[in-house]
Amino acid sequence: MPTLVTKSVSTNAPGDKWRTPGSGRRYARDRWAHARRAAIDPRIVGALAKEHGFAGGPCLDVGCGPGRLRPELVASGAHWIGLDASAAMLDEASIRAPGSLLRGLVEKLPVRDGAVELVVACRLLHHFQAPEAFDRAIAELVRVSARLVIFSFWDSASLPAVRRRIGLARDEGPTGRVSRTRSVITESVSRAGARVAEFRSVLRFLSQQTFAVLEKRA
């Protein structure tokens, strides 16, 4: 396989609860303790990859955490490469999801242009508050993909997002997670040189977790 990596980028921003020692273990053990809930994201990502023609090859899992998407992607024929900004997450991934692991930022992926067949980013992009930072992340996901990108975002049309907007649920504040409209997603993707092939919700309107499948333009 040709070299994919340019230069690994390290970071460990203070105050981020998922970058503290032991956070990878806590995330894997506590956040996803319920087996049925833990299986939802991997199942959807695997299904979308197959339905949109992924038949195997290099797959970059951006914000891979402890590697919980790996089994489903490997079953789809992927040569799985996990990337995360958190050393704690990568430590846990090295135990739970052995494979190629990189430390880096989605805003500056240490991977060559078009180097991987499939790029995945699950439960990552809702952490980007600023529109320009979100656009940069989308552009990087598209840049390193040869053809296909699958990422999740929080849909602003979902009931949880609406409840926050009208004050029935607690807002997370200026540094919290953010929801976006599908039109905003579509416009950002278009600027990055791709098109949205499909949106798929975990549970339409009731769950804010929604997936977008992107096809890179020639």
N, C-alpha and C. Protein backbone atom coordinates (compact mmCIF):
# COMPACT_ATOMS: atom_id res chain seq x y z
N MET A 1 0.85 -1.20 0.00
CA MET A 1 0.00 0.00 0.00
C MET A 1 0.89 1.25 0.00
N PRO A 2 0.56 2.26 -0.83
CA PRO A 2 1.37 3.47 -0.87
C PRO A 2 1.29 4.24 0.43
N THR A 3 2.28 5.09 0.65
CA THR A 3 2.29 5.90 1.86
C THR A 3 1.12 6.87 1.85
N LEU A 4 0.38 6.91 2.97
CA LEU A 4 -0.77 7.79 3.07
C LEU A 4 -0.46 9.04 3.86
N VAL A 5 0.44 8.90 4.84
CA VAL A 5 0.65 9.95 5.83
C VAL A 5 1.65 10.98 5.34
N THR A 6 1.40 12.24 5.65
CA THR A 6 2.38 13.30 5.40
C THR A 6 3.20 13.51 6.66
N LYS A 7 2.58 14.09 7.68
CA LYS A 7 3.26 14.34 8.95
C LYS A 7 2.23 14.31 10.06
N SER A 8 2.50 13.53 11.09
CA SER A 8 1.56 13.44 12.21
C SER A 8 1.54 14.75 12.98
N VAL A 9 0.33 15.18 13.35
CA VAL A 9 0.16 16.42 14.10
C VAL A 9 -0.33 16.08 15.50
N SER A 10 0.41 16.48 16.52
CA SER A 10 0.04 16.18 17.89
C SER A 10 -0.63 17.37 18.55
N THR A 11 -1.56 17.07 19.45
CA THR A 11 -2.23 18.12 20.20
C THR A 11 -2.79 17.53 21.47
N ASN A 12 -2.91 18.34 22.47
CA ASN A 12 -3.54 17.89 23.72
C ASN A 12 -4.08 19.12 24.43
N ALA A 13 -5.18 19.66 23.87
CA ALA A 13 -5.73 20.91 24.39
C ALA A 13 -6.20 20.73 25.82
N PRO A 14 -5.80 21.61 26.74
CA PRO A 14 -6.21 21.50 28.13
C PRO A 14 -7.71 21.74 28.27
N GLY A 15 -8.31 21.08 29.25
CA GLY A 15 -9.71 21.29 29.54
C GLY A 15 -10.66 20.42 28.75
N ASP A 16 -10.19 19.71 27.75
CA ASP A 16 -11.03 18.82 26.98
C ASP A 16 -11.13 17.49 27.72
N LYS A 17 -12.35 17.14 28.13
CA LYS A 17 -12.51 15.96 28.98
C LYS A 17 -12.16 14.66 28.26
N TRP A 18 -12.19 14.66 26.94
CA TRP A 18 -11.86 13.44 26.21
C TRP A 18 -10.38 13.35 25.86
N ARG A 19 -9.57 14.27 26.39
CA ARG A 19 -8.13 14.20 26.15
C ARG A 19 -7.35 14.05 27.44
N THR A 20 -8.04 13.83 28.52
CA THR A 20 -7.36 13.63 29.80
C THR A 20 -7.01 12.16 29.98
N PRO A 21 -6.00 11.85 30.79
CA PRO A 21 -5.61 10.46 31.01
C PRO A 21 -6.80 9.61 31.46
N GLY A 22 -6.96 8.45 30.83
CA GLY A 22 -8.03 7.53 31.18
C GLY A 22 -9.37 7.82 30.52
N SER A 23 -9.47 8.94 29.78
CA SER A 23 -10.76 9.29 29.19
C SER A 23 -11.18 8.31 28.09
N GLY A 24 -10.22 7.74 27.39
CA GLY A 24 -10.56 6.75 26.37
C GLY A 24 -11.22 5.53 26.98
N ARG A 25 -10.69 5.09 28.09
CA ARG A 25 -11.27 3.93 28.77
C ARG A 25 -12.67 4.24 29.30
N ARG A 26 -12.84 5.44 29.88
CA ARG A 26 -14.15 5.82 30.39
C ARG A 26 -15.17 5.95 29.27
N TYR A 27 -14.75 6.54 28.15
CA TYR A 27 -15.64 6.71 27.01
C TYR A 27 -16.12 5.35 26.49
N ALA A 28 -15.19 4.43 26.34
CA ALA A 28 -15.54 3.11 25.82
C ALA A 28 -16.38 2.32 26.81
N ARG A 29 -16.09 2.45 28.08
CA ARG A 29 -16.75 1.62 29.10
C ARG A 29 -18.08 2.21 29.54
N ASP A 30 -18.12 3.53 29.77
CA ASP A 30 -19.32 4.14 30.36
C ASP A 30 -20.27 4.71 29.32
N ARG A 31 -19.74 5.44 28.35
CA ARG A 31 -20.60 6.09 27.35
C ARG A 31 -21.34 5.06 26.51
N TRP A 32 -20.70 3.93 26.25
CA TRP A 32 -21.29 2.93 25.37
C TRP A 32 -21.47 1.60 26.09
N ALA A 33 -21.88 1.67 27.34
CA ALA A 33 -22.07 0.45 28.13
C ALA A 33 -23.25 -0.37 27.64
N HIS A 34 -24.27 0.30 27.09
CA HIS A 34 -25.45 -0.40 26.60
C HIS A 34 -25.18 -0.92 25.19
N ALA A 35 -25.20 -2.23 25.02
CA ALA A 35 -24.78 -2.85 23.76
C ALA A 35 -25.65 -2.41 22.58
N ARG A 36 -26.95 -2.31 22.78
CA ARG A 36 -27.83 -1.93 21.67
C ARG A 36 -27.54 -0.50 21.21
N ARG A 37 -27.36 0.40 22.16
CA ARG A 37 -27.04 1.79 21.81
C ARG A 37 -25.68 1.89 21.14
N ALA A 38 -24.72 1.13 21.64
CA ALA A 38 -23.37 1.18 21.08
C ALA A 38 -23.31 0.68 19.64
N ALA A 39 -24.27 -0.16 19.27
CA ALA A 39 -24.24 -0.77 17.93
C ALA A 39 -24.84 0.12 16.85
N ILE A 40 -25.55 1.19 17.23
CA ILE A 40 -26.29 1.98 16.24
C ILE A 40 -25.37 2.65 15.23
N ASP A 41 -24.42 3.44 15.70
CA ASP A 41 -23.53 4.17 14.78
C ASP A 41 -22.75 3.23 13.87
N PRO A 42 -22.07 2.21 14.40
CA PRO A 42 -21.34 1.30 13.51
C PRO A 42 -22.23 0.65 12.46
N ARG A 43 -23.44 0.27 12.85
CA ARG A 43 -24.34 -0.38 11.90
C ARG A 43 -24.73 0.56 10.77
N ILE A 44 -25.04 1.82 11.09
CA ILE A 44 -25.44 2.78 10.07
C ILE A 44 -24.26 3.10 9.14
N VAL A 45 -23.08 3.32 9.73
CA VAL A 45 -21.91 3.64 8.91
C VAL A 45 -21.58 2.49 7.97
N GLY A 46 -21.61 1.27 8.48
CA GLY A 46 -21.32 0.11 7.65
C GLY A 46 -22.32 -0.04 6.53
N ALA A 47 -23.61 0.16 6.83
CA ALA A 47 -24.65 0.04 5.80
C ALA A 47 -24.50 1.11 4.73
N LEU A 48 -24.24 2.36 5.14
CA LEU A 48 -24.09 3.44 4.18
C LEU A 48 -22.88 3.21 3.27
N ALA A 49 -21.79 2.75 3.84
CA ALA A 49 -20.59 2.49 3.03
C ALA A 49 -20.89 1.46 1.95
N LYS A 50 -21.55 0.37 2.31
CA LYS A 50 -21.87 -0.68 1.34
C LYS A 50 -22.85 -0.18 0.29
N GLU A 51 -23.88 0.54 0.73
CA GLU A 51 -24.91 1.01 -0.20
C GLU A 51 -24.38 2.02 -1.21
N HIS A 52 -23.33 2.72 -0.83
CA HIS A 52 -22.75 3.72 -1.73
C HIS A 52 -21.48 3.24 -2.42
N GLY A 53 -21.33 1.94 -2.48
CA GLY A 53 -20.34 1.35 -3.35
C GLY A 53 -18.96 1.12 -2.78
N PHE A 54 -18.80 1.25 -1.45
CA PHE A 54 -17.48 0.96 -0.87
C PHE A 54 -17.27 -0.54 -0.86
N ALA A 55 -16.24 -0.99 -1.56
CA ALA A 55 -15.98 -2.42 -1.68
C ALA A 55 -14.65 -2.82 -1.07
N GLY A 56 -14.07 -1.92 -0.28
CA GLY A 56 -12.80 -2.23 0.36
C GLY A 56 -11.73 -1.22 0.01
N GLY A 57 -10.67 -1.24 0.80
CA GLY A 57 -9.56 -0.33 0.58
C GLY A 57 -9.29 0.50 1.82
N PRO A 58 -8.39 1.47 1.72
CA PRO A 58 -8.04 2.30 2.88
C PRO A 58 -9.24 3.12 3.36
N CYS A 59 -9.43 3.12 4.66
CA CYS A 59 -10.53 3.89 5.28
C CYS A 59 -9.98 4.64 6.47
N LEU A 60 -10.13 5.97 6.45
CA LEU A 60 -9.66 6.81 7.55
C LEU A 60 -10.83 7.15 8.45
N ASP A 61 -10.73 6.73 9.71
CA ASP A 61 -11.76 6.97 10.72
C ASP A 61 -11.29 8.17 11.56
N VAL A 62 -11.82 9.36 11.24
CA VAL A 62 -11.37 10.60 11.87
C VAL A 62 -12.16 10.83 13.15
N GLY A 63 -11.42 11.08 14.26
CA GLY A 63 -12.07 11.12 15.56
C GLY A 63 -12.50 9.73 15.96
N CYS A 64 -11.60 8.78 15.79
CA CYS A 64 -11.94 7.36 15.93
C CYS A 64 -12.24 6.95 17.36
N GLY A 65 -11.83 7.78 18.35
CA GLY A 65 -12.05 7.39 19.75
C GLY A 65 -11.39 6.05 20.04
N PRO A 66 -12.08 5.19 20.78
CA PRO A 66 -11.49 3.89 21.10
C PRO A 66 -11.63 2.86 19.98
N GLY A 67 -12.07 3.30 18.81
CA GLY A 67 -12.12 2.41 17.65
C GLY A 67 -13.39 1.61 17.52
N ARG A 68 -14.50 2.13 17.97
CA ARG A 68 -15.71 1.33 18.00
C ARG A 68 -16.33 1.09 16.62
N LEU A 69 -15.95 1.89 15.60
CA LEU A 69 -16.44 1.65 14.25
C LEU A 69 -15.63 0.59 13.50
N ARG A 70 -14.46 0.27 14.02
CA ARG A 70 -13.53 -0.58 13.28
C ARG A 70 -14.12 -1.94 12.88
N PRO A 71 -14.74 -2.72 13.77
CA PRO A 71 -15.21 -4.04 13.36
C PRO A 71 -16.16 -4.00 12.16
N GLU A 72 -17.09 -3.05 12.15
CA GLU A 72 -18.05 -2.96 11.06
C GLU A 72 -17.37 -2.56 9.76
N LEU A 73 -16.43 -1.64 9.84
CA LEU A 73 -15.73 -1.20 8.64
C LEU A 73 -14.81 -2.28 8.08
N VAL A 74 -14.13 -2.98 8.97
CA VAL A 74 -13.26 -4.08 8.53
C VAL A 74 -14.10 -5.17 7.86
N ALA A 75 -15.29 -5.42 8.41
CA ALA A 75 -16.20 -6.41 7.81
C ALA A 75 -16.64 -6.00 6.41
N SER A 76 -16.58 -4.68 6.13
CA SER A 76 -16.93 -4.18 4.80
C SER A 76 -15.74 -4.20 3.84
N GLY A 77 -14.60 -4.67 4.32
CA GLY A 77 -13.41 -4.76 3.48
C GLY A 77 -12.42 -3.64 3.67
N ALA A 78 -12.62 -2.82 4.69
CA ALA A 78 -11.75 -1.66 4.88
C ALA A 78 -10.40 -2.06 5.49
N HIS A 79 -9.37 -1.38 5.02
CA HIS A 79 -8.10 -1.35 5.75
C HIS A 79 -8.22 -0.15 6.67
N TRP A 80 -8.59 -0.40 7.93
CA TRP A 80 -8.97 0.66 8.87
C TRP A 80 -7.76 1.41 9.39
N ILE A 81 -7.84 2.76 9.34
CA ILE A 81 -6.82 3.64 9.91
C ILE A 81 -7.54 4.58 10.86
N GLY A 82 -7.21 4.53 12.12
CA GLY A 82 -7.86 5.37 13.11
C GLY A 82 -7.04 6.62 13.39
N LEU A 83 -7.73 7.77 13.44
CA LEU A 83 -7.05 9.04 13.74
C LEU A 83 -7.83 9.77 14.82
N ASP A 84 -7.12 10.28 15.81
CA ASP A 84 -7.76 11.05 16.87
C ASP A 84 -6.77 12.08 17.40
N ALA A 85 -7.32 13.17 17.95
CA ALA A 85 -6.48 14.20 18.56
C ALA A 85 -6.05 13.82 19.97
N SER A 86 -6.74 12.84 20.57
CA SER A 86 -6.52 12.48 21.96
C SER A 86 -5.61 11.27 22.09
N ALA A 87 -4.51 11.44 22.80
CA ALA A 87 -3.63 10.31 23.07
C ALA A 87 -4.33 9.25 23.92
N ALA A 88 -5.22 9.70 24.83
CA ALA A 88 -5.95 8.75 25.68
C ALA A 88 -6.88 7.87 24.85
N MET A 89 -7.54 8.46 23.86
CA MET A 89 -8.40 7.67 22.97
C MET A 89 -7.59 6.67 22.16
N LEU A 90 -6.45 7.11 21.65
CA LEU A 90 -5.62 6.21 20.85
C LEU A 90 -5.03 5.09 21.70
N ASP A 91 -4.74 5.37 22.96
CA ASP A 91 -4.26 4.32 23.86
C ASP A 91 -5.31 3.23 23.99
N GLU A 92 -6.57 3.65 24.14
CA GLU A 92 -7.65 2.67 24.27
C GLU A 92 -7.90 1.95 22.95
N ALA A 93 -7.80 2.69 21.86
CA ALA A 93 -7.98 2.07 20.55
C ALA A 93 -6.92 1.02 20.27
N SER A 94 -5.72 1.23 20.75
CA SER A 94 -4.65 0.25 20.51
C SER A 94 -4.94 -1.08 21.18
N ILE A 95 -5.80 -1.06 22.20
CA ILE A 95 -6.20 -2.29 22.90
C ILE A 95 -7.44 -2.90 22.27
N ARG A 96 -8.44 -2.06 21.99
CA ARG A 96 -9.73 -2.54 21.52
C ARG A 96 -9.80 -2.69 20.00
N ALA A 97 -9.01 -1.91 19.27
CA ALA A 97 -9.11 -1.89 17.81
C ALA A 97 -7.73 -1.83 17.19
N PRO A 98 -6.96 -2.90 17.32
CA PRO A 98 -5.60 -2.88 16.80
C PRO A 98 -5.58 -2.61 15.30
N GLY A 99 -4.65 -1.78 14.91
CA GLY A 99 -4.53 -1.41 13.50
C GLY A 99 -3.64 -0.19 13.37
N SER A 100 -3.74 0.48 12.25
CA SER A 100 -2.95 1.68 12.02
C SER A 100 -3.59 2.84 12.76
N LEU A 101 -2.83 3.54 13.60
CA LEU A 101 -3.35 4.65 14.39
C LEU A 101 -2.49 5.89 14.18
N LEU A 102 -3.17 7.04 14.03
CA LEU A 102 -2.49 8.32 13.85
C LEU A 102 -3.04 9.32 14.85
N ARG A 103 -2.19 10.22 15.29
CA ARG A 103 -2.65 11.32 16.12
C ARG A 103 -2.64 12.59 15.30
N GLY A 104 -3.76 13.28 15.26
CA GLY A 104 -3.84 14.48 14.45
C GLY A 104 -5.16 15.19 14.58
N LEU A 105 -5.28 16.30 13.90
CA LEU A 105 -6.45 17.17 13.95
C LEU A 105 -7.25 17.06 12.66
N VAL A 106 -8.56 17.07 12.78
CA VAL A 106 -9.39 17.07 11.58
C VAL A 106 -9.17 18.33 10.76
N GLU A 107 -8.82 19.44 11.42
CA GLU A 107 -8.59 20.69 10.71
C GLU A 107 -7.32 20.66 9.85
N LYS A 108 -6.43 19.70 10.14
CA LYS A 108 -5.19 19.59 9.38
C LYS A 108 -4.77 18.12 9.36
N LEU A 109 -5.48 17.34 8.59
CA LEU A 109 -5.25 15.90 8.57
C LEU A 109 -3.87 15.58 7.99
N PRO A 110 -3.11 14.73 8.69
CA PRO A 110 -1.76 14.39 8.23
C PRO A 110 -1.79 13.28 7.18
N VAL A 111 -2.60 13.47 6.14
CA VAL A 111 -2.81 12.45 5.10
C VAL A 111 -2.80 13.15 3.74
N ARG A 112 -2.24 12.46 2.75
CA ARG A 112 -2.14 13.04 1.41
C ARG A 112 -3.52 13.22 0.76
N ASP A 113 -3.59 14.12 -0.21
CA ASP A 113 -4.82 14.34 -0.98
C ASP A 113 -5.27 13.03 -1.64
N GLY A 114 -6.54 12.71 -1.50
CA GLY A 114 -7.12 11.56 -2.18
C GLY A 114 -6.50 10.23 -1.83
N ALA A 115 -5.93 10.11 -0.64
CA ALA A 115 -5.17 8.91 -0.30
C ALA A 115 -6.02 7.74 0.16
N VAL A 116 -7.26 8.00 0.58
CA VAL A 116 -8.09 6.91 1.11
C VAL A 116 -9.41 6.84 0.36
N GLU A 117 -9.91 5.64 0.21
CA GLU A 117 -11.15 5.43 -0.53
C GLU A 117 -12.36 5.95 0.24
N LEU A 118 -12.35 5.77 1.56
CA LEU A 118 -13.47 6.16 2.41
C LEU A 118 -12.96 6.93 3.62
N VAL A 119 -13.61 8.06 3.93
CA VAL A 119 -13.31 8.82 5.13
C VAL A 119 -14.58 8.86 5.98
N VAL A 120 -14.42 8.58 7.27
CA VAL A 120 -15.55 8.55 8.20
C VAL A 120 -15.25 9.48 9.36
N ALA A 121 -16.26 10.24 9.80
CA ALA A 121 -16.13 11.09 11.00
C ALA A 121 -17.45 11.01 11.75
N CYS A 122 -17.45 10.30 12.85
CA CYS A 122 -18.67 10.05 13.60
C CYS A 122 -18.62 10.75 14.96
N ARG A 123 -19.65 11.51 15.29
CA ARG A 123 -19.77 12.22 16.57
C ARG A 123 -18.60 13.17 16.81
N LEU A 124 -18.22 13.89 15.78
CA LEU A 124 -17.11 14.82 15.87
C LEU A 124 -17.49 16.25 15.49
N LEU A 125 -18.19 16.42 14.37
CA LEU A 125 -18.37 17.74 13.80
C LEU A 125 -19.34 18.63 14.56
N HIS A 126 -20.17 18.07 15.42
CA HIS A 126 -21.06 18.92 16.22
C HIS A 126 -20.28 19.68 17.31
N HIS A 127 -19.00 19.39 17.46
CA HIS A 127 -18.17 20.13 18.42
C HIS A 127 -17.63 21.44 17.84
N PHE A 128 -17.80 21.66 16.54
CA PHE A 128 -17.27 22.86 15.90
C PHE A 128 -18.32 23.96 15.91
N GLN A 129 -18.08 24.99 16.73
CA GLN A 129 -19.03 26.09 16.84
C GLN A 129 -18.92 27.06 15.67
N ALA A 130 -17.72 27.51 15.35
CA ALA A 130 -17.52 28.54 14.33
C ALA A 130 -17.76 27.98 12.93
N PRO A 131 -18.53 28.67 12.10
CA PRO A 131 -18.78 28.19 10.74
C PRO A 131 -17.51 27.96 9.94
N GLU A 132 -16.52 28.85 10.10
CA GLU A 132 -15.29 28.68 9.32
C GLU A 132 -14.50 27.44 9.76
N ALA A 133 -14.55 27.12 11.05
CA ALA A 133 -13.88 25.91 11.53
C ALA A 133 -14.60 24.65 11.02
N PHE A 134 -15.91 24.71 11.01
CA PHE A 134 -16.70 23.59 10.47
C PHE A 134 -16.37 23.39 8.99
N ASP A 135 -16.34 24.49 8.22
CA ASP A 135 -16.03 24.40 6.80
C ASP A 135 -14.63 23.81 6.57
N ARG A 136 -13.70 24.21 7.42
CA ARG A 136 -12.33 23.70 7.27
C ARG A 136 -12.30 22.19 7.52
N ALA A 137 -13.04 21.73 8.51
CA ALA A 137 -13.08 20.30 8.80
C ALA A 137 -13.68 19.53 7.63
N ILE A 138 -14.79 20.04 7.07
CA ILE A 138 -15.41 19.39 5.92
C ILE A 138 -14.44 19.34 4.75
N ALA A 139 -13.77 20.46 4.50
CA ALA A 139 -12.82 20.52 3.38
C ALA A 139 -11.70 19.50 3.54
N GLU A 140 -11.24 19.30 4.76
CA GLU A 140 -10.17 18.33 4.99
C GLU A 140 -10.65 16.89 4.79
N LEU A 141 -11.86 16.59 5.23
CA LEU A 141 -12.41 15.25 5.02
C LEU A 141 -12.52 14.95 3.53
N VAL A 142 -12.97 15.93 2.77
CA VAL A 142 -13.11 15.75 1.32
C VAL A 142 -11.73 15.67 0.66
N ARG A 143 -10.81 16.48 1.11
CA ARG A 143 -9.48 16.52 0.49
C ARG A 143 -8.80 15.17 0.49
N VAL A 144 -8.83 14.47 1.62
CA VAL A 144 -8.06 13.23 1.73
C VAL A 144 -8.80 12.03 1.16
N SER A 145 -10.07 12.19 0.83
CA SER A 145 -10.85 11.09 0.27
C SER A 145 -10.66 11.00 -1.24
N ALA A 146 -10.60 9.78 -1.74
CA ALA A 146 -10.56 9.57 -3.18
C ALA A 146 -11.96 9.64 -3.77
N ARG A 147 -12.98 9.28 -2.95
CA ARG A 147 -14.33 9.25 -3.52
C ARG A 147 -15.44 9.50 -2.51
N LEU A 148 -15.39 8.88 -1.32
CA LEU A 148 -16.55 8.82 -0.45
C LEU A 148 -16.22 9.32 0.95
N VAL A 149 -17.15 10.11 1.53
CA VAL A 149 -17.05 10.59 2.91
C VAL A 149 -18.37 10.34 3.61
N ILE A 150 -18.31 9.84 4.83
CA ILE A 150 -19.51 9.68 5.67
C ILE A 150 -19.23 10.36 7.00
N PHE A 151 -20.08 11.32 7.37
CA PHE A 151 -19.90 11.96 8.67
C PHE A 151 -21.25 12.17 9.33
N SER A 152 -21.22 12.32 10.64
CA SER A 152 -22.46 12.62 11.37
C SER A 152 -22.45 14.08 11.81
N PHE A 153 -23.66 14.60 12.01
CA PHE A 153 -23.82 15.96 12.53
C PHE A 153 -25.12 16.00 13.32
N TRP A 154 -25.33 17.08 14.04
CA TRP A 154 -26.59 17.28 14.76
C TRP A 154 -27.53 18.09 13.88
N ASP A 155 -28.69 17.52 13.60
CA ASP A 155 -29.68 18.14 12.73
C ASP A 155 -30.52 19.15 13.52
N SER A 156 -30.52 20.40 13.05
CA SER A 156 -31.25 21.45 13.77
C SER A 156 -32.76 21.29 13.68
N ALA A 157 -33.25 20.40 12.78
CA ALA A 157 -34.68 20.15 12.68
C ALA A 157 -35.16 19.08 13.66
N SER A 158 -34.25 18.51 14.42
CA SER A 158 -34.63 17.45 15.36
C SER A 158 -35.30 18.04 16.59
N LEU A 159 -36.09 17.22 17.26
CA LEU A 159 -36.80 17.67 18.46
C LEU A 159 -35.85 18.16 19.55
N PRO A 160 -34.74 17.47 19.86
CA PRO A 160 -33.83 17.99 20.89
C PRO A 160 -33.30 19.38 20.56
N ALA A 161 -32.98 19.63 19.28
CA ALA A 161 -32.46 20.94 18.88
C ALA A 161 -33.53 22.01 18.99
N VAL A 162 -34.75 21.69 18.59
CA VAL A 162 -35.85 22.64 18.70
C VAL A 162 -36.13 22.97 20.16
N ARG A 163 -36.11 21.98 21.03
CA ARG A 163 -36.35 22.21 22.46
C ARG A 163 -35.31 23.16 23.04
N ARG A 164 -34.05 23.04 22.61
CA ARG A 164 -33.03 23.97 23.09
C ARG A 164 -33.28 25.38 22.59
N ARG A 165 -33.69 25.51 21.34
CA ARG A 165 -33.90 26.84 20.76
C ARG A 165 -35.04 27.59 21.44
N ILE A 166 -36.05 26.87 21.89
CA ILE A 166 -37.19 27.56 22.50
C ILE A 166 -37.11 27.57 24.03
N GLY A 167 -35.97 27.10 24.55
CA GLY A 167 -35.74 27.21 25.99
C GLY A 167 -36.30 26.10 26.83
N LEU A 168 -36.74 25.00 26.23
CA LEU A 168 -37.27 23.88 27.00
C LEU A 168 -36.19 22.89 27.41
N ALA A 169 -34.99 23.07 26.88
CA ALA A 169 -33.84 22.23 27.25
C ALA A 169 -32.63 23.14 27.41
N ARG A 170 -31.70 22.73 28.21
CA ARG A 170 -30.53 23.54 28.52
C ARG A 170 -29.63 23.70 27.30
N ASP A 171 -29.27 24.94 27.01
CA ASP A 171 -28.31 25.22 25.96
C ASP A 171 -26.90 24.99 26.49
N GLU A 172 -26.01 24.49 25.66
CA GLU A 172 -24.66 24.17 26.13
C GLU A 172 -23.72 25.36 26.13
N GLY A 173 -24.19 26.51 25.66
CA GLY A 173 -23.37 27.71 25.72
C GLY A 173 -22.43 27.87 24.55
N PRO A 174 -21.58 28.91 24.60
CA PRO A 174 -20.74 29.27 23.45
C PRO A 174 -19.65 28.28 23.13
N THR A 175 -19.35 27.36 24.02
CA THR A 175 -18.32 26.36 23.72
C THR A 175 -18.92 24.95 23.62
N GLY A 176 -20.25 24.87 23.64
CA GLY A 176 -20.91 23.57 23.59
C GLY A 176 -21.08 23.03 22.18
N ARG A 177 -21.75 21.90 22.09
CA ARG A 177 -22.01 21.28 20.80
C ARG A 177 -23.11 22.04 20.07
N VAL A 178 -23.10 21.95 18.74
CA VAL A 178 -24.00 22.78 17.94
C VAL A 178 -24.69 21.94 16.87
N SER A 179 -25.95 22.28 16.60
CA SER A 179 -26.69 21.64 15.51
C SER A 179 -26.68 22.55 14.29
N ARG A 180 -26.88 21.94 13.10
CA ARG A 180 -26.89 22.69 11.86
C ARG A 180 -28.00 22.19 10.94
N THR A 181 -28.44 23.06 10.04
CA THR A 181 -29.46 22.67 9.08
C THR A 181 -28.84 21.84 7.97
N ARG A 182 -29.68 21.09 7.30
CA ARG A 182 -29.19 20.30 6.17
C ARG A 182 -28.75 21.21 5.02
N SER A 183 -29.36 22.35 4.88
CA SER A 183 -28.94 23.28 3.82
C SER A 183 -27.55 23.83 4.09
N VAL A 184 -27.24 24.11 5.36
CA VAL A 184 -25.90 24.56 5.72
C VAL A 184 -24.88 23.47 5.42
N ILE A 185 -25.22 22.24 5.75
CA ILE A 185 -24.33 21.12 5.46
C ILE A 185 -24.09 21.01 3.95
N THR A 186 -25.16 21.08 3.18
CA THR A 186 -25.07 20.94 1.73
C THR A 186 -24.18 22.04 1.13
N GLU A 187 -24.33 23.26 1.60
CA GLU A 187 -23.53 24.37 1.08
C GLU A 187 -22.05 24.21 1.44
N SER A 188 -21.77 23.78 2.67
CA SER A 188 -20.38 23.59 3.08
C SER A 188 -19.73 22.47 2.26
N VAL A 189 -20.46 21.41 2.05
CA VAL A 189 -19.96 20.27 1.27
C VAL A 189 -19.68 20.70 -0.17
N SER A 190 -20.56 21.49 -0.74
CA SER A 190 -20.37 21.96 -2.11
C SER A 190 -19.11 22.82 -2.23
N ARG A 191 -18.89 23.68 -1.25
CA ARG A 191 -17.68 24.52 -1.28
C ARG A 191 -16.42 23.67 -1.19
N ALA A 192 -16.52 22.51 -0.56
CA ALA A 192 -15.36 21.63 -0.39
C ALA A 192 -15.09 20.78 -1.63
N GLY A 193 -16.01 20.80 -2.60
CA GLY A 193 -15.78 20.04 -3.82
C GLY A 193 -16.45 18.69 -3.83
N ALA A 194 -17.57 18.57 -3.13
CA ALA A 194 -18.30 17.31 -3.10
C ALA A 194 -19.80 17.60 -3.14
N ARG A 195 -20.59 16.56 -3.18
CA ARG A 195 -22.04 16.72 -3.11
C ARG A 195 -22.62 15.75 -2.09
N VAL A 196 -23.74 16.13 -1.49
CA VAL A 196 -24.41 15.25 -0.55
C VAL A 196 -25.23 14.24 -1.34
N ALA A 197 -24.89 12.96 -1.21
CA ALA A 197 -25.62 11.90 -1.89
C ALA A 197 -26.82 11.44 -1.08
N GLU A 198 -26.72 11.56 0.26
CA GLU A 198 -27.82 11.08 1.11
C GLU A 198 -27.67 11.64 2.52
N PHE A 199 -28.79 11.94 3.14
CA PHE A 199 -28.87 12.16 4.57
C PHE A 199 -29.61 10.98 5.18
N ARG A 200 -29.13 10.51 6.33
CA ARG A 200 -29.84 9.43 7.03
C ARG A 200 -29.83 9.69 8.53
N SER A 201 -31.00 9.79 9.10
CA SER A 201 -31.13 10.04 10.53
C SER A 201 -31.12 8.73 11.30
N VAL A 202 -30.64 8.81 12.52
CA VAL A 202 -30.76 7.65 13.41
C VAL A 202 -32.23 7.39 13.68
N LEU A 203 -32.97 8.42 14.01
CA LEU A 203 -34.42 8.34 14.19
C LEU A 203 -34.97 9.71 13.82
N ARG A 204 -35.56 9.83 12.65
CA ARG A 204 -35.96 11.11 12.09
C ARG A 204 -36.73 11.97 13.08
N PHE A 205 -36.27 13.20 13.28
CA PHE A 205 -36.84 14.22 14.15
C PHE A 205 -36.60 13.95 15.65
N LEU A 206 -36.65 12.70 16.08
CA LEU A 206 -36.51 12.42 17.50
C LEU A 206 -35.05 12.41 17.95
N SER A 207 -34.15 11.99 17.06
CA SER A 207 -32.72 11.96 17.38
C SER A 207 -32.00 13.00 16.55
N GLN A 208 -31.14 13.76 17.18
CA GLN A 208 -30.40 14.78 16.42
C GLN A 208 -29.24 14.20 15.63
N GLN A 209 -28.82 13.01 15.99
CA GLN A 209 -27.70 12.38 15.28
C GLN A 209 -28.13 11.99 13.86
N THR A 210 -27.49 12.61 12.86
CA THR A 210 -27.82 12.38 11.46
C THR A 210 -26.53 12.20 10.68
N PHE A 211 -26.58 11.35 9.67
CA PHE A 211 -25.40 11.08 8.84
C PHE A 211 -25.56 11.67 7.45
N ALA A 212 -24.45 12.16 6.92
CA ALA A 212 -24.40 12.64 5.54
C ALA A 212 -23.39 11.80 4.78
N VAL A 213 -23.77 11.40 3.58
CA VAL A 213 -22.88 10.68 2.69
C VAL A 213 -22.48 11.63 1.56
N LEU A 214 -21.19 11.82 1.37
CA LEU A 214 -20.67 12.74 0.37
C LEU A 214 -19.98 11.96 -0.76
N GLU A 215 -20.18 12.42 -1.97
CA GLU A 215 -19.44 11.90 -3.11
C GLU A 215 -18.58 13.05 -3.64
N LYS A 216 -17.31 12.78 -3.75
CA LYS A 216 -16.36 13.80 -4.20
C LYS A 216 -16.52 14.05 -5.70
N ARG A 217 -16.53 15.32 -6.08
CA ARG A 217 -16.63 15.64 -7.51
C ARG A 217 -15.29 15.43 -8.19
N ALA A 218 -15.35 15.02 -9.43
CA ALA A 218 -14.12 14.79 -10.20
C ALA A 218 -13.41 16.13 -10.45
